[in-house]
Amino acid sequence: MEWQGGFLITRIKQVGGRVFERILAQKKINAFNGPQGQILYVLWQQDGIPINMLSRETGLAMTTLTGMLDRMEASGLIQRDRSDKDRRIILIFLTEKARALEKDYEEVTKQISDIYYKGFTREEIRQFELYLRRVLTNVEGRE
C-alpha cells in the first residue's frame, strides 16, 4: 500500500488556501492575503520578534519571508526595527493597522476551521491535531 499523507497534506494546503482567499474576498478583506495572514497570526501571538524566529514559526523560507515583509511594510502592516540589545538583529513589529485586523482574521479562520472539521467530533479533532504535530516534529527533525 502506498502512503499518501504528504500528498493529502499538500492538497489540503492548496485547496484550503484557495478557499481561505475566497472567504477573504467575500468578506471584502483585502488588507492581507492568506500567506500574510500566517505572518500576522504569529505576530499577534508575540510581537517584536526577530526575522529568523518568524521564519521558524511560519515555516516560510527567509528569502520568501523577506519579500513578503517588504510588501507588508509598504502596505503599513508591519515595521522593522533594530534590537536595542544587538543592533545586528532586526525585529518585526505590528502596526496599529495590523492590530485592528486581528478580529477579521479570527472570523475567517473560524469559518475555515468549520469547513475543515465539518462532521468531526472534538475528540477526533484533538487526536488528528496530535498526529499532525507528530508528523511536523518528524519533518522538522530532518530540516
C-alpha atoms as a PDB file:
ATOM      1  CA  MET A   1       0.000   0.000   0.000  1.00  0.00           C
ATOM      2  CA  GLU A   2       1.280   3.420  -0.892  1.00  0.00           C
ATOM      3  CA  TRP A   3       1.054   6.015   1.892  1.00  0.00           C
ATOM      4  CA  GLN A   4      -0.430   9.316   0.746  1.00  0.00           C
ATOM      5  CA  GLY A   5      -0.231  11.518   3.859  1.00  0.00           C
ATOM      6  CA  GLY A   6       2.226  14.009   2.358  1.00  0.00           C
ATOM      7  CA  PHE A   7       0.231  14.230  -0.865  1.00  0.00           C
ATOM      8  CA  LEU A   8      -3.013  14.739   1.052  1.00  0.00           C
ATOM      9  CA  ILE A   9      -1.491  17.406   3.318  1.00  0.00           C
ATOM     10  CA  THR A  10      -0.208  19.270   0.260  1.00  0.00           C
ATOM     11  CA  ARG A  11      -3.609  19.070  -1.456  1.00  0.00           C
ATOM     12  CA  ILE A  12      -5.385  20.285   1.699  1.00  0.00           C
ATOM     13  CA  LYS A  13      -2.961  23.216   1.919  1.00  0.00           C
ATOM     14  CA  GLN A  14      -3.518  24.151  -1.736  1.00  0.00           C
ATOM     15  CA  VAL A  15      -7.315  23.804  -1.766  1.00  0.00           C
ATOM     16  CA  GLY A  16      -7.628  25.281   1.728  1.00  0.00           C
ATOM     17  CA  GLY A  17      -5.548  28.269   0.625  1.00  0.00           C
ATOM     18  CA  ARG A  18      -7.899  28.927  -2.273  1.00  0.00           C
ATOM     19  CA  VAL A  19     -10.945  28.627  -0.009  1.00  0.00           C
ATOM     20  CA  PHE A  20      -9.294  30.971   2.519  1.00  0.00           C
ATOM     21  CA  GLU A  21      -8.667  33.556  -0.240  1.00  0.00           C
ATOM     22  CA  ARG A  22     -12.294  33.226  -1.395  1.00  0.00           C
ATOM     23  CA  ILE A  23     -13.549  33.847   2.151  1.00  0.00           C
ATOM     24  CA  LEU A  24     -11.306  36.935   2.411  1.00  0.00           C
ATOM     25  CA  ALA A  25     -12.755  38.223  -0.871  1.00  0.00           C
ATOM     26  CA  GLN A  26     -16.351  37.512   0.211  1.00  0.00           C
ATOM     27  CA  LYS A  27     -15.755  39.474   3.412  1.00  0.00           C
ATOM     28  CA  LYS A  28     -14.059  42.228   1.381  1.00  0.00           C
ATOM     29  CA  ILE A  29     -10.862  41.854   3.398  1.00  0.00           C
ATOM     30  CA  ASN A  30      -8.046  42.970   1.140  1.00  0.00           C
ATOM     31  CA  ALA A  31      -5.507  44.262   3.654  1.00  0.00           C
ATOM     32  CA  PHE A  32      -3.714  40.891   3.689  1.00  0.00           C
ATOM     33  CA  ASN A  33      -3.694  37.581   1.848  1.00  0.00           C
ATOM     34  CA  GLY A  34      -3.523  34.043   3.224  1.00  0.00           C
ATOM     35  CA  PRO A  35       0.273  33.767   3.496  1.00  0.00           C
ATOM     36  CA  GLN A  36       0.482  37.252   5.043  1.00  0.00           C
ATOM     37  CA  GLY A  37      -2.186  36.115   7.493  1.00  0.00           C
ATOM     38  CA  GLN A  38       0.252  33.430   8.707  1.00  0.00           C
ATOM     39  CA  ILE A  39       2.799  36.119   9.494  1.00  0.00           C
ATOM     40  CA  LEU A  40       0.221  38.320  11.204  1.00  0.00           C
ATOM     41  CA  TYR A  41      -1.025  35.373  13.252  1.00  0.00           C
ATOM     42  CA  VAL A  42       2.461  34.703  14.636  1.00  0.00           C
ATOM     43  CA  LEU A  43       2.983  38.396  15.385  1.00  0.00           C
ATOM     44  CA  TRP A  44      -0.393  38.652  17.149  1.00  0.00           C
ATOM     45  CA  GLN A  45       0.884  35.888  19.439  1.00  0.00           C
ATOM     46  CA  GLN A  46       4.282  37.545  20.041  1.00  0.00           C
ATOM     47  CA  ASP A  47       5.040  40.931  18.553  1.00  0.00           C
ATOM     48  CA  GLY A  48       8.565  42.241  18.072  1.00  0.00           C
ATOM     49  CA  ILE A  49      10.345  39.018  17.191  1.00  0.00           C
ATOM     50  CA  PRO A  50      13.466  38.531  15.060  1.00  0.00           C
ATOM     51  CA  ILE A  51      13.045  37.597  11.395  1.00  0.00           C
ATOM     52  CA  ASN A  52      14.699  34.200  11.889  1.00  0.00           C
ATOM     53  CA  MET A  53      12.192  33.322  14.630  1.00  0.00           C
ATOM     54  CA  LEU A  54       9.320  34.494  12.411  1.00  0.00           C
ATOM     55  CA  SER A  55      10.678  32.254   9.643  1.00  0.00           C
ATOM     56  CA  ARG A  56      10.798  29.278  12.004  1.00  0.00           C
ATOM     57  CA  GLU A  57       7.297  29.906  13.396  1.00  0.00           C
ATOM     58  CA  THR A  58       5.651  30.364   9.978  1.00  0.00           C
ATOM     59  CA  GLY A  59       7.667  27.709   8.174  1.00  0.00           C
ATOM     60  CA  LEU A  60       8.495  30.249   5.450  1.00  0.00           C
ATOM     61  CA  ALA A  61      11.981  30.363   3.955  1.00  0.00           C
ATOM     62  CA  MET A  62      13.945  33.528   4.747  1.00  0.00           C
ATOM     63  CA  THR A  63      14.024  34.532   1.065  1.00  0.00           C
ATOM     64  CA  THR A  64      10.233  34.173   0.773  1.00  0.00           C
ATOM     65  CA  LEU A  65       9.638  35.878   4.098  1.00  0.00           C
ATOM     66  CA  THR A  66      11.842  38.882   3.298  1.00  0.00           C
ATOM     67  CA  GLY A  67       9.875  39.693   0.134  1.00  0.00           C
ATOM     68  CA  MET A  68       6.569  39.284   1.937  1.00  0.00           C
ATOM     69  CA  LEU A  69       7.726  41.542   4.764  1.00  0.00           C
ATOM     70  CA  ASP A  70       8.762  44.181   2.207  1.00  0.00           C
ATOM     71  CA  ARG A  71       5.218  44.174   0.787  1.00  0.00           C
ATOM     72  CA  MET A  72       3.632  44.158   4.244  1.00  0.00           C
ATOM     73  CA  GLU A  73       5.800  47.070   5.356  1.00  0.00           C
ATOM     74  CA  ALA A  74       4.895  49.024   2.206  1.00  0.00           C
ATOM     75  CA  SER A  75       1.196  48.450   2.922  1.00  0.00           C
ATOM     76  CA  GLY A  76       1.560  49.589   6.542  1.00  0.00           C
ATOM     77  CA  LEU A  77       1.044  46.244   8.300  1.00  0.00           C
ATOM     78  CA  ILE A  78       4.459  45.789   9.900  1.00  0.00           C
ATOM     79  CA  GLN A  79       7.547  47.788  10.720  1.00  0.00           C
ATOM     80  CA  ARG A  80      11.124  46.691  11.195  1.00  0.00           C
ATOM     81  CA  ASP A  81      13.335  47.962  13.954  1.00  0.00           C
ATOM     82  CA  ARG A  82      16.787  47.028  15.205  1.00  0.00           C
ATOM     83  CA  SER A  83      17.099  45.395  18.587  1.00  0.00           C
ATOM     84  CA  ASP A  84      18.379  47.662  21.358  1.00  0.00           C
ATOM     85  CA  LYS A  85      20.426  44.750  22.741  1.00  0.00           C
ATOM     86  CA  ASP A  86      22.037  43.690  19.461  1.00  0.00           C
ATOM     87  CA  ARG A  87      21.858  46.149  16.558  1.00  0.00           C
ATOM     88  CA  ARG A  88      22.504  43.309  14.072  1.00  0.00           C
ATOM     89  CA  ILE A  89      19.114  41.777  14.909  1.00  0.00           C
ATOM     90  CA  ILE A  90      16.072  43.144  13.086  1.00  0.00           C
ATOM     91  CA  LEU A  91      12.767  42.794  14.927  1.00  0.00           C
ATOM     92  CA  ILE A  92       9.348  42.718  13.262  1.00  0.00           C
ATOM     93  CA  PHE A  93       6.504  44.667  14.864  1.00  0.00           C
ATOM     94  CA  LEU A  94       2.830  45.013  14.026  1.00  0.00           C
ATOM     95  CA  THR A  95       1.408  48.425  13.259  1.00  0.00           C
ATOM     96  CA  GLU A  96      -1.890  49.662  14.656  1.00  0.00           C
ATOM     97  CA  LYS A  97      -3.407  48.940  11.233  1.00  0.00           C
ATOM     98  CA  ALA A  98      -2.414  45.265  11.569  1.00  0.00           C
ATOM     99  CA  ARG A  99      -3.607  45.031  15.173  1.00  0.00           C
ATOM    100  CA  ALA A 100      -7.019  46.273  14.048  1.00  0.00           C
ATOM    101  CA  LEU A 101      -7.275  43.351  11.574  1.00  0.00           C
ATOM    102  CA  GLU A 102      -6.999  40.589  14.177  1.00  0.00           C
ATOM    103  CA  LYS A 103     -10.775  40.271  14.656  1.00  0.00           C
ATOM    104  CA  ASP A 104     -11.301  39.930  10.875  1.00  0.00           C
ATOM    105  CA  TYR A 105      -8.616  37.236  10.716  1.00  0.00           C
ATOM    106  CA  GLU A 106     -10.199  35.338  13.620  1.00  0.00           C
ATOM    107  CA  GLU A 107     -13.563  35.355  11.833  1.00  0.00           C
ATOM    108  CA  VAL A 108     -12.021  33.975   8.639  1.00  0.00           C
ATOM    109  CA  THR A 109     -10.022  31.300  10.474  1.00  0.00           C
ATOM    110  CA  LYS A 110     -13.146  30.267  12.412  1.00  0.00           C
ATOM    111  CA  GLN A 111     -15.005  29.880   9.140  1.00  0.00           C
ATOM    112  CA  ILE A 112     -12.204  27.844   7.514  1.00  0.00           C
ATOM    113  CA  SER A 113     -11.886  25.673  10.663  1.00  0.00           C
ATOM    114  CA  ASP A 114     -15.609  24.957  10.497  1.00  0.00           C
ATOM    115  CA  ILE A 115     -15.099  23.796   6.903  1.00  0.00           C
ATOM    116  CA  TYR A 116     -12.047  21.666   7.754  1.00  0.00           C
ATOM    117  CA  TYR A 117     -13.650  19.941  10.734  1.00  0.00           C
ATOM    118  CA  LYS A 118     -17.215  19.512   9.487  1.00  0.00           C
ATOM    119  CA  GLY A 119     -18.509  16.184  10.817  1.00  0.00           C
ATOM    120  CA  PHE A 120     -15.606  15.666  13.269  1.00  0.00           C
ATOM    121  CA  THR A 121     -16.090  15.243  16.997  1.00  0.00           C
ATOM    122  CA  ARG A 122     -13.970  17.286  19.401  1.00  0.00           C
ATOM    123  CA  GLU A 123     -12.033  14.125  20.280  1.00  0.00           C
ATOM    124  CA  GLU A 124     -11.377  13.335  16.608  1.00  0.00           C
ATOM    125  CA  ILE A 125     -10.079  16.882  16.088  1.00  0.00           C
ATOM    126  CA  ARG A 126      -7.844  16.629  19.152  1.00  0.00           C
ATOM    127  CA  GLN A 127      -6.430  13.278  18.022  1.00  0.00           C
ATOM    128  CA  PHE A 128      -5.977  14.437  14.421  1.00  0.00           C
ATOM    129  CA  GLU A 129      -4.068  17.516  15.520  1.00  0.00           C
ATOM    130  CA  LEU A 130      -1.852  15.380  17.776  1.00  0.00           C
ATOM    131  CA  TYR A 131      -0.980  13.239  14.752  1.00  0.00           C
ATOM    132  CA  LEU A 132      -0.271  16.327  12.651  1.00  0.00           C
ATOM    133  CA  ARG A 133       2.056  17.684  15.354  1.00  0.00           C
ATOM    134  CA  ARG A 134       3.919  14.364  15.360  1.00  0.00           C
ATOM    135  CA  VAL A 135       4.311  14.493  11.581  1.00  0.00           C
ATOM    136  CA  LEU A 136       5.519  18.108  11.840  1.00  0.00           C
ATOM    137  CA  THR A 137       8.053  17.139  14.518  1.00  0.00           C
ATOM    138  CA  ASN A 138       9.284  14.311  12.282  1.00  0.00           C
ATOM    139  CA  VAL A 139       9.831  16.533   9.245  1.00  0.00           C
ATOM    140  CA  GLU A 140      11.289  19.402  11.269  1.00  0.00           C
ATOM    141  CA  GLY A 141      13.825  16.921  12.629  1.00  0.00           C
ATOM    142  CA  ARG A 142      15.096  16.404   9.061  1.00  0.00           C
ATOM    143  CA  GLU A 143      15.418  20.097   8.216  1.00  0.00           C
END
